[in-house]
Amino acid sequence: MENAIALLEVQAMVTAIAGLDAMVKAADVKLIHVEKRLGGRLVTVVVEGSVSAVTAALDAGMAAAKEVGKVVCHEVIPRPHPDIMKFIKTDEGV
């Protein structure tokens, strides 16, 4: 199984939680990073799993997030380079 990551960036923490909840319920993915900017007004969640799992999770997450707020950006990265994973997986934890 090749790992992939999916990134979902939204406006507002509540939108992020709604999107993330849908993502982890829709597919076998694991939350690996949360980035909050502008006092939580811009939030990015990153999940990891197989390419098909993160794609399904991202689709579900975007749909749920759009019902609550605004999706700013989204992306699936199959087989991310190890340097990308060092950038995402910091010592801070989730």
C-alpha atoms as a PDB file:
ATOM      1  CA  MET A   1       0.000   0.000   0.000  1.00  0.00           C
ATOM      2  CA  GLU A   2       1.422   3.350  -1.026  1.00  0.00           C
ATOM      3  CA  ASN A   3       0.767   6.089   1.485  1.00  0.00           C
ATOM      4  CA  ALA A   4      -0.670   9.435   0.541  1.00  0.00           C
ATOM      5  CA  ILE A   5      -1.717  12.584   2.341  1.00  0.00           C
ATOM      6  CA  ALA A   6      -4.765  14.772   1.894  1.00  0.00           C
ATOM      7  CA  LEU A   7      -4.847  18.405   2.949  1.00  0.00           C
ATOM      8  CA  LEU A   8      -8.066  20.305   3.603  1.00  0.00           C
ATOM      9  CA  GLU A   9      -7.834  24.026   4.328  1.00  0.00           C
ATOM     10  CA  VAL A  10     -10.957  25.825   5.511  1.00  0.00           C
ATOM     11  CA  GLN A  11     -12.072  29.043   7.133  1.00  0.00           C
ATOM     12  CA  ALA A  12     -12.925  28.622  10.842  1.00  0.00           C
ATOM     13  CA  MET A  13     -12.278  25.905  13.378  1.00  0.00           C
ATOM     14  CA  VAL A  14     -15.868  24.606  13.366  1.00  0.00           C
ATOM     15  CA  THR A  15     -15.662  24.066   9.612  1.00  0.00           C
ATOM     16  CA  ALA A  16     -12.389  22.175  10.079  1.00  0.00           C
ATOM     17  CA  ILE A  17     -13.868  19.925  12.758  1.00  0.00           C
ATOM     18  CA  ALA A  18     -16.920  19.149  10.623  1.00  0.00           C
ATOM     19  CA  GLY A  19     -14.704  18.320   7.650  1.00  0.00           C
ATOM     20  CA  LEU A  20     -12.274  16.241   9.694  1.00  0.00           C
ATOM     21  CA  ASP A  21     -15.091  14.297  11.337  1.00  0.00           C
ATOM     22  CA  ALA A  22     -16.425  13.339   7.910  1.00  0.00           C
ATOM     23  CA  MET A  23     -12.937  12.450   6.685  1.00  0.00           C
ATOM     24  CA  VAL A  24     -12.093  10.001   9.463  1.00  0.00           C
ATOM     25  CA  LYS A  25     -15.551   8.415   9.313  1.00  0.00           C
ATOM     26  CA  ALA A  26     -15.505   8.007   5.513  1.00  0.00           C
ATOM     27  CA  ALA A  27     -12.240   6.087   5.111  1.00  0.00           C
ATOM     28  CA  ASP A  28      -9.320   4.451   6.884  1.00  0.00           C
ATOM     29  CA  VAL A  29      -7.229   7.590   7.402  1.00  0.00           C
ATOM     30  CA  LYS A  30      -5.321   9.022  10.341  1.00  0.00           C
ATOM     31  CA  LEU A  31      -5.022  12.669  11.347  1.00  0.00           C
ATOM     32  CA  ILE A  32      -1.340  13.589  11.306  1.00  0.00           C
ATOM     33  CA  HIS A  33      -1.297  17.392  11.444  1.00  0.00           C
ATOM     34  CA  VAL A  34      -3.414  20.449  12.206  1.00  0.00           C
ATOM     35  CA  GLU A  35      -2.276  23.942  11.338  1.00  0.00           C
ATOM     36  CA  LYS A  36      -4.128  26.969  12.715  1.00  0.00           C
ATOM     37  CA  ARG A  37      -3.475  30.448  11.374  1.00  0.00           C
ATOM     38  CA  LEU A  38      -5.019  33.843  11.967  1.00  0.00           C
ATOM     39  CA  GLY A  39      -6.286  32.841  15.404  1.00  0.00           C
ATOM     40  CA  GLY A  40      -8.065  29.764  14.075  1.00  0.00           C
ATOM     41  CA  ARG A  41      -9.789  31.581  11.237  1.00  0.00           C
ATOM     42  CA  LEU A  42      -7.778  29.523   8.737  1.00  0.00           C
ATOM     43  CA  VAL A  43      -7.276  25.853   9.573  1.00  0.00           C
ATOM     44  CA  THR A  44      -5.562  23.078   7.621  1.00  0.00           C
ATOM     45  CA  VAL A  45      -5.988  19.418   8.530  1.00  0.00           C
ATOM     46  CA  VAL A  46      -3.777  16.694   7.073  1.00  0.00           C
ATOM     47  CA  VAL A  47      -4.701  13.013   7.012  1.00  0.00           C
ATOM     48  CA  GLU A  48      -2.653  10.017   5.919  1.00  0.00           C
ATOM     49  CA  GLY A  49      -3.614   6.667   4.396  1.00  0.00           C
ATOM     50  CA  SER A  50      -3.761   4.877   1.080  1.00  0.00           C
ATOM     51  CA  VAL A  51      -4.354   6.949  -2.046  1.00  0.00           C
ATOM     52  CA  SER A  52      -7.915   5.674  -2.400  1.00  0.00           C
ATOM     53  CA  ALA A  53      -8.653   6.229   1.304  1.00  0.00           C
ATOM     54  CA  VAL A  54      -7.390   9.813   1.422  1.00  0.00           C
ATOM     55  CA  THR A  55      -9.198  10.631  -1.822  1.00  0.00           C
ATOM     56  CA  ALA A  56     -12.487   9.299  -0.447  1.00  0.00           C
ATOM     57  CA  ALA A  57     -11.872  11.039   2.872  1.00  0.00           C
ATOM     58  CA  LEU A  58     -11.134  14.354   1.174  1.00  0.00           C
ATOM     59  CA  ASP A  59     -14.299  14.163  -0.919  1.00  0.00           C
ATOM     60  CA  ALA A  60     -16.376  13.526   2.210  1.00  0.00           C
ATOM     61  CA  GLY A  61     -14.548  16.205   4.178  1.00  0.00           C
ATOM     62  CA  MET A  62     -15.042  18.852   1.517  1.00  0.00           C
ATOM     63  CA  ALA A  63     -18.760  18.103   1.256  1.00  0.00           C
ATOM     64  CA  ALA A  64     -19.243  18.316   5.020  1.00  0.00           C
ATOM     65  CA  ALA A  65     -17.123  21.441   5.373  1.00  0.00           C
ATOM     66  CA  LYS A  66     -19.002  23.229   2.576  1.00  0.00           C
ATOM     67  CA  GLU A  67     -22.253  22.709   4.492  1.00  0.00           C
ATOM     68  CA  VAL A  68     -20.837  24.604   7.483  1.00  0.00           C
ATOM     69  CA  GLY A  69     -18.432  27.145   6.025  1.00  0.00           C
ATOM     70  CA  LYS A  70     -15.913  27.821   3.285  1.00  0.00           C
ATOM     71  CA  VAL A  71     -13.320  25.444   1.826  1.00  0.00           C
ATOM     72  CA  VAL A  72     -10.244  27.438   0.838  1.00  0.00           C
ATOM     73  CA  CYS A  73      -8.024  24.758  -0.682  1.00  0.00           C
ATOM     74  CA  HIS A  74      -7.619  20.986  -0.891  1.00  0.00           C
ATOM     75  CA  GLU A  75      -5.108  18.527  -2.296  1.00  0.00           C
ATOM     76  CA  VAL A  76      -4.161  14.845  -2.378  1.00  0.00           C
ATOM     77  CA  ILE A  77      -0.451  14.067  -2.571  1.00  0.00           C
ATOM     78  CA  PRO A  78       0.310  10.435  -3.426  1.00  0.00           C
ATOM     79  CA  ARG A  79       3.666   9.069  -2.221  1.00  0.00           C
ATOM     80  CA  PRO A  80       4.861  12.351  -0.672  1.00  0.00           C
ATOM     81  CA  HIS A  81       8.608  12.849  -0.574  1.00  0.00           C
ATOM     82  CA  PRO A  82      10.151  12.105   2.853  1.00  0.00           C
ATOM     83  CA  ASP A  83      11.179  15.769   3.209  1.00  0.00           C
ATOM     84  CA  ILE A  84       7.524  16.786   2.882  1.00  0.00           C
ATOM     85  CA  MET A  85       6.635  14.378   5.687  1.00  0.00           C
ATOM     86  CA  LYS A  86       9.368  15.901   7.914  1.00  0.00           C
ATOM     87  CA  PHE A  87       7.751  19.290   7.336  1.00  0.00           C
ATOM     88  CA  ILE A  88       4.281  18.004   8.199  1.00  0.00           C
ATOM     89  CA  LYS A  89       5.102  15.622  11.048  1.00  0.00           C
ATOM     90  CA  THR A  90       6.708  17.908  13.606  1.00  0.00           C
ATOM     91  CA  ASP A  91       7.531  17.182  17.233  1.00  0.00           C
ATOM     92  CA  GLU A  92       4.506  19.225  18.305  1.00  0.00           C
ATOM     93  CA  GLY A  93       2.131  16.319  17.671  1.00  0.00           C
ATOM     94  CA  VAL A  94      -1.495  16.668  16.686  1.00  0.00           C
END
